[in-house]
Amino acid sequence: MRFDVEKFKSLVEEADPKIKAEDDFVLENIGWIGLSLKVAIRARSVMREKGITQVQLAAWLNVTKAQISKFLSGKENLTLSTIDKLQQALGENLISIPSTQSKNLQTSEPVMS
C-alpha cells in the first residue's frame, strides 16, 4: 500500500493544532520514520523467532526496557551505531545496503557479516 501524502495533508488541514503539529512532524520526517519502522519490524521478528524478550535485549545492550520499547516502536531516529548494536545483540542483520561492486548486481549484501 502506498502512502498518499496529498490525502494525508488534506486531513491535517482539518485537525486541531496539537494533532496538526504531530502530523506536520511526520510529513517532514517520513523518510527516516519509514526506515525506523522497517528496522523495528525486522528486530521484533528476529526477537520472536529467537525467543528474545525486551528485558533480555535491554540487559545485553545495557539500556532500559523503556529504551528498547522506543527502538521497537519504529518512532525512534536510530543512529547507525544503535542499529549495529542491535544487530550484534540479535545476531542478525536488520538492514542491508546494495552492493556497489557491480552495477548489474541485483542482490543486497548484509551491512555486517
N, C-alpha and C. Protein backbone atom coordinates (compact mmCIF):
# COMPACT_ATOMS: atom_id res chain seq x y z
N MET A 1 0.85 -1.18 0.00
CA MET A 1 0.00 0.00 0.00
C MET A 1 0.89 1.24 0.00
N ARG A 2 0.59 2.17 -0.85
CA ARG A 2 1.37 3.39 -0.98
C ARG A 2 0.77 4.48 -0.09
N PHE A 3 1.66 5.25 0.55
CA PHE A 3 1.24 6.34 1.42
C PHE A 3 0.79 7.51 0.56
N ASP A 4 -0.44 7.96 0.72
CA ASP A 4 -1.00 9.07 -0.06
C ASP A 4 -0.76 10.38 0.69
N VAL A 5 0.32 11.07 0.34
CA VAL A 5 0.72 12.30 1.03
C VAL A 5 -0.34 13.39 0.88
N GLU A 6 -0.90 13.52 -0.31
CA GLU A 6 -1.90 14.57 -0.53
C GLU A 6 -3.15 14.36 0.31
N LYS A 7 -3.61 13.12 0.39
CA LYS A 7 -4.78 12.84 1.23
C LYS A 7 -4.46 13.13 2.69
N PHE A 8 -3.26 12.74 3.11
CA PHE A 8 -2.83 12.99 4.48
C PHE A 8 -2.81 14.48 4.76
N LYS A 9 -2.26 15.27 3.83
CA LYS A 9 -2.21 16.73 4.00
C LYS A 9 -3.60 17.33 4.13
N SER A 10 -4.55 16.84 3.33
CA SER A 10 -5.91 17.38 3.41
C SER A 10 -6.55 17.06 4.76
N LEU A 11 -6.26 15.89 5.31
CA LEU A 11 -6.78 15.54 6.63
C LEU A 11 -6.14 16.39 7.72
N VAL A 12 -4.85 16.69 7.55
CA VAL A 12 -4.11 17.51 8.53
C VAL A 12 -4.70 18.91 8.61
N GLU A 13 -5.10 19.45 7.48
CA GLU A 13 -5.66 20.80 7.46
C GLU A 13 -6.89 20.93 8.37
N GLU A 14 -7.63 19.84 8.54
CA GLU A 14 -8.86 19.85 9.34
C GLU A 14 -8.61 19.54 10.82
N ALA A 15 -7.40 19.15 11.19
CA ALA A 15 -7.11 18.69 12.54
C ALA A 15 -6.89 19.86 13.51
N ASP A 16 -6.99 19.56 14.83
CA ASP A 16 -6.71 20.59 15.82
C ASP A 16 -5.19 20.87 15.84
N PRO A 17 -4.76 22.01 16.40
CA PRO A 17 -3.35 22.43 16.32
C PRO A 17 -2.35 21.41 16.86
N LYS A 18 -2.67 20.73 17.95
CA LYS A 18 -1.72 19.76 18.52
C LYS A 18 -1.55 18.59 17.57
N ILE A 19 -2.65 18.08 17.06
CA ILE A 19 -2.57 16.96 16.11
C ILE A 19 -1.89 17.42 14.83
N LYS A 20 -2.19 18.64 14.40
CA LYS A 20 -1.57 19.17 13.18
C LYS A 20 -0.05 19.24 13.33
N ALA A 21 0.44 19.66 14.48
CA ALA A 21 1.88 19.74 14.72
C ALA A 21 2.51 18.35 14.65
N GLU A 22 1.84 17.37 15.24
CA GLU A 22 2.35 15.99 15.19
C GLU A 22 2.35 15.48 13.76
N ASP A 23 1.28 15.76 13.03
CA ASP A 23 1.18 15.32 11.64
C ASP A 23 2.22 16.01 10.77
N ASP A 24 2.45 17.30 11.01
CA ASP A 24 3.49 18.03 10.27
C ASP A 24 4.86 17.39 10.51
N PHE A 25 5.11 17.00 11.75
CA PHE A 25 6.37 16.33 12.09
C PHE A 25 6.52 15.05 11.27
N VAL A 26 5.46 14.26 11.20
CA VAL A 26 5.50 13.01 10.43
C VAL A 26 5.79 13.31 8.96
N LEU A 27 5.10 14.27 8.39
CA LEU A 27 5.31 14.62 6.99
C LEU A 27 6.74 15.07 6.72
N GLU A 28 7.30 15.85 7.63
CA GLU A 28 8.66 16.37 7.45
C GLU A 28 9.71 15.28 7.63
N ASN A 29 9.36 14.20 8.34
CA ASN A 29 10.34 13.17 8.69
C ASN A 29 9.96 11.79 8.18
N ILE A 30 9.09 11.74 7.18
CA ILE A 30 8.55 10.47 6.71
C ILE A 30 9.65 9.50 6.25
N GLY A 31 10.74 10.01 5.73
CA GLY A 31 11.82 9.15 5.25
C GLY A 31 12.43 8.30 6.35
N TRP A 32 12.96 8.96 7.40
CA TRP A 32 13.60 8.17 8.45
C TRP A 32 12.58 7.41 9.29
N ILE A 33 11.36 7.93 9.39
CA ILE A 33 10.33 7.21 10.15
C ILE A 33 10.02 5.88 9.47
N GLY A 34 9.90 5.91 8.14
CA GLY A 34 9.66 4.68 7.40
C GLY A 34 10.79 3.67 7.58
N LEU A 35 12.03 4.16 7.52
CA LEU A 35 13.17 3.27 7.72
C LEU A 35 13.21 2.72 9.14
N SER A 36 12.90 3.58 10.10
CA SER A 36 12.89 3.15 11.50
C SER A 36 11.84 2.06 11.73
N LEU A 37 10.68 2.22 11.10
CA LEU A 37 9.64 1.20 11.21
C LEU A 37 10.10 -0.13 10.63
N LYS A 38 10.80 -0.09 9.50
CA LYS A 38 11.30 -1.32 8.89
C LYS A 38 12.31 -2.02 9.79
N VAL A 39 13.21 -1.25 10.39
CA VAL A 39 14.20 -1.82 11.31
C VAL A 39 13.49 -2.42 12.52
N ALA A 40 12.50 -1.70 13.06
CA ALA A 40 11.77 -2.17 14.23
C ALA A 40 11.01 -3.48 13.92
N ILE A 41 10.37 -3.53 12.77
CA ILE A 41 9.64 -4.74 12.38
C ILE A 41 10.60 -5.91 12.25
N ARG A 42 11.74 -5.69 11.62
CA ARG A 42 12.73 -6.76 11.46
C ARG A 42 13.27 -7.20 12.82
N ALA A 43 13.57 -6.24 13.71
CA ALA A 43 14.10 -6.58 15.03
C ALA A 43 13.07 -7.39 15.82
N ARG A 44 11.81 -6.97 15.80
CA ARG A 44 10.76 -7.71 16.52
C ARG A 44 10.60 -9.12 15.95
N SER A 45 10.72 -9.26 14.65
CA SER A 45 10.61 -10.56 14.01
C SER A 45 11.74 -11.49 14.47
N VAL A 46 12.97 -10.97 14.48
CA VAL A 46 14.12 -11.76 14.94
C VAL A 46 13.94 -12.14 16.40
N MET A 47 13.50 -11.18 17.21
CA MET A 47 13.30 -11.46 18.64
C MET A 47 12.26 -12.57 18.83
N ARG A 48 11.18 -12.50 18.07
CA ARG A 48 10.12 -13.52 18.17
C ARG A 48 10.67 -14.89 17.76
N GLU A 49 11.40 -14.94 16.63
CA GLU A 49 11.98 -16.19 16.13
C GLU A 49 12.93 -16.82 17.14
N LYS A 50 13.70 -15.98 17.83
CA LYS A 50 14.73 -16.48 18.75
C LYS A 50 14.26 -16.52 20.21
N GLY A 51 13.04 -16.08 20.46
CA GLY A 51 12.52 -16.09 21.83
C GLY A 51 13.21 -15.10 22.74
N ILE A 52 13.62 -13.96 22.18
CA ILE A 52 14.32 -12.93 22.95
C ILE A 52 13.29 -11.91 23.45
N THR A 53 13.35 -11.60 24.74
CA THR A 53 12.44 -10.61 25.31
C THR A 53 13.08 -9.22 25.30
N GLN A 54 12.23 -8.21 25.47
CA GLN A 54 12.74 -6.84 25.56
C GLN A 54 13.66 -6.69 26.77
N VAL A 55 13.34 -7.37 27.86
CA VAL A 55 14.16 -7.30 29.07
C VAL A 55 15.55 -7.87 28.79
N GLN A 56 15.60 -9.02 28.10
CA GLN A 56 16.89 -9.62 27.75
C GLN A 56 17.71 -8.70 26.85
N LEU A 57 17.06 -8.16 25.82
CA LEU A 57 17.76 -7.28 24.90
C LEU A 57 18.27 -6.04 25.61
N ALA A 58 17.47 -5.49 26.50
CA ALA A 58 17.89 -4.31 27.27
C ALA A 58 19.14 -4.63 28.10
N ALA A 59 19.15 -5.80 28.72
CA ALA A 59 20.31 -6.19 29.53
C ALA A 59 21.55 -6.36 28.66
N TRP A 60 21.40 -6.98 27.50
CA TRP A 60 22.54 -7.19 26.60
C TRP A 60 23.11 -5.86 26.11
N LEU A 61 22.25 -4.88 25.89
CA LEU A 61 22.68 -3.58 25.36
C LEU A 61 22.99 -2.58 26.47
N ASN A 62 22.73 -2.97 27.73
CA ASN A 62 22.95 -2.10 28.88
C ASN A 62 22.14 -0.81 28.76
N VAL A 63 20.87 -0.97 28.40
CA VAL A 63 19.92 0.14 28.32
C VAL A 63 18.66 -0.28 29.06
N THR A 64 17.74 0.64 29.24
CA THR A 64 16.49 0.31 29.93
C THR A 64 15.51 -0.38 28.99
N LYS A 65 14.55 -1.08 29.57
CA LYS A 65 13.49 -1.69 28.77
C LYS A 65 12.70 -0.60 28.05
N ALA A 66 12.56 0.56 28.67
CA ALA A 66 11.86 1.68 28.04
C ALA A 66 12.56 2.10 26.75
N GLN A 67 13.90 2.10 26.76
CA GLN A 67 14.65 2.46 25.56
C GLN A 67 14.45 1.41 24.47
N ILE A 68 14.44 0.14 24.84
CA ILE A 68 14.18 -0.92 23.86
C ILE A 68 12.78 -0.75 23.28
N SER A 69 11.83 -0.42 24.12
CA SER A 69 10.46 -0.20 23.67
C SER A 69 10.42 0.93 22.64
N LYS A 70 11.18 1.99 22.88
CA LYS A 70 11.27 3.10 21.92
C LYS A 70 11.85 2.62 20.59
N PHE A 71 12.95 1.85 20.67
CA PHE A 71 13.57 1.32 19.45
C PHE A 71 12.56 0.51 18.64
N LEU A 72 11.82 -0.34 19.35
CA LEU A 72 10.91 -1.27 18.69
C LEU A 72 9.58 -0.64 18.28
N SER A 73 9.36 0.62 18.66
CA SER A 73 8.14 1.32 18.27
C SER A 73 8.21 1.81 16.83
N GLY A 74 9.44 1.94 16.32
CA GLY A 74 9.62 2.46 14.97
C GLY A 74 9.53 3.97 14.89
N LYS A 75 9.49 4.62 16.04
CA LYS A 75 9.37 6.09 16.06
C LYS A 75 10.66 6.76 16.52
N GLU A 76 11.70 5.98 16.70
CA GLU A 76 12.98 6.49 17.19
C GLU A 76 13.92 6.68 16.01
N ASN A 77 14.59 7.82 15.93
CA ASN A 77 15.55 8.08 14.87
C ASN A 77 16.86 7.39 15.26
N LEU A 78 16.98 6.14 14.85
CA LEU A 78 18.12 5.31 15.26
C LEU A 78 19.40 5.73 14.55
N THR A 79 20.49 5.76 15.30
CA THR A 79 21.79 6.02 14.70
C THR A 79 22.32 4.71 14.12
N LEU A 80 23.30 4.82 13.25
CA LEU A 80 23.94 3.61 12.72
C LEU A 80 24.59 2.82 13.84
N SER A 81 25.12 3.50 14.82
CA SER A 81 25.73 2.84 15.98
C SER A 81 24.69 2.00 16.73
N THR A 82 23.51 2.56 16.93
CA THR A 82 22.45 1.83 17.62
C THR A 82 22.00 0.63 16.81
N ILE A 83 21.83 0.81 15.51
CA ILE A 83 21.44 -0.31 14.65
C ILE A 83 22.50 -1.41 14.71
N ASP A 84 23.77 -1.03 14.68
CA ASP A 84 24.84 -2.02 14.76
C ASP A 84 24.79 -2.77 16.09
N LYS A 85 24.57 -2.07 17.18
CA LYS A 85 24.48 -2.73 18.49
C LYS A 85 23.30 -3.69 18.53
N LEU A 86 22.17 -3.29 17.97
CA LEU A 86 21.00 -4.18 17.90
C LEU A 86 21.33 -5.42 17.07
N GLN A 87 21.98 -5.22 15.93
CA GLN A 87 22.34 -6.35 15.07
C GLN A 87 23.28 -7.31 15.80
N GLN A 88 24.27 -6.76 16.49
CA GLN A 88 25.22 -7.60 17.22
C GLN A 88 24.52 -8.39 18.33
N ALA A 89 23.64 -7.72 19.07
CA ALA A 89 22.94 -8.38 20.17
C ALA A 89 21.99 -9.46 19.66
N LEU A 90 21.34 -9.21 18.54
CA LEU A 90 20.37 -10.16 17.99
C LEU A 90 21.03 -11.23 17.12
N GLY A 91 22.26 -10.97 16.71
CA GLY A 91 22.96 -11.93 15.87
C GLY A 91 22.39 -12.04 14.47
N GLU A 92 21.73 -10.99 14.02
CA GLU A 92 21.11 -10.96 12.69
C GLU A 92 21.24 -9.56 12.10
N ASN A 93 21.28 -9.49 10.78
CA ASN A 93 21.27 -8.20 10.11
C ASN A 93 19.86 -7.63 10.12
N LEU A 94 19.75 -6.36 10.40
CA LEU A 94 18.46 -5.68 10.40
C LEU A 94 18.29 -4.82 9.15
N ILE A 95 19.41 -4.44 8.53
CA ILE A 95 19.37 -3.66 7.30
C ILE A 95 20.41 -4.22 6.34
N SER A 96 20.24 -3.94 5.07
CA SER A 96 21.27 -4.28 4.09
C SER A 96 21.41 -3.12 3.13
N ILE A 97 22.59 -3.04 2.54
CA ILE A 97 22.89 -1.96 1.60
C ILE A 97 23.28 -2.62 0.28
N PRO A 98 22.68 -2.18 -0.82
CA PRO A 98 23.03 -2.78 -2.11
C PRO A 98 24.53 -2.71 -2.37
N SER A 99 25.05 -3.78 -2.94
CA SER A 99 26.47 -3.82 -3.27
C SER A 99 26.79 -2.79 -4.34
N THR A 100 27.94 -2.17 -4.22
CA THR A 100 28.37 -1.20 -5.23
C THR A 100 29.46 -1.79 -6.12
N GLN A 101 29.76 -3.07 -5.95
CA GLN A 101 30.83 -3.70 -6.72
C GLN A 101 30.48 -3.84 -8.19
N SER A 102 29.20 -4.04 -8.49
CA SER A 102 28.78 -4.21 -9.87
C SER A 102 27.43 -3.56 -10.07
N LYS A 103 27.32 -2.75 -11.11
CA LYS A 103 26.05 -2.11 -11.39
C LYS A 103 24.99 -3.12 -11.80
N ASN A 104 25.40 -4.29 -12.29
CA ASN A 104 24.46 -5.31 -12.73
C ASN A 104 24.02 -6.22 -11.59
N LEU A 105 24.64 -6.13 -10.44
CA LEU A 105 24.30 -6.98 -9.31
C LEU A 105 22.95 -6.59 -8.75
N GLN A 106 22.04 -7.54 -8.66
CA GLN A 106 20.67 -7.25 -8.23
C GLN A 106 20.42 -7.60 -6.77
N THR A 107 21.39 -8.18 -6.08
CA THR A 107 21.19 -8.58 -4.70
C THR A 107 21.78 -7.55 -3.75
N SER A 108 21.41 -7.65 -2.48
CA SER A 108 21.96 -6.78 -1.45
C SER A 108 22.88 -7.60 -0.57
N GLU A 109 23.87 -6.94 -0.01
CA GLU A 109 24.77 -7.59 0.91
C GLU A 109 24.50 -7.10 2.32
N PRO A 110 24.68 -7.98 3.32
CA PRO A 110 24.47 -7.53 4.69
C PRO A 110 25.43 -6.42 5.06
N VAL A 111 24.99 -5.56 5.96
CA VAL A 111 25.84 -4.48 6.43
C VAL A 111 26.99 -5.04 7.25
N MET A 112 26.67 -6.00 8.11
CA MET A 112 27.68 -6.63 8.95
C MET A 112 27.71 -8.12 8.67
N SER A 113 28.88 -8.72 8.62
CA SER A 113 28.98 -10.16 8.39
C SER A 113 29.01 -10.90 9.68
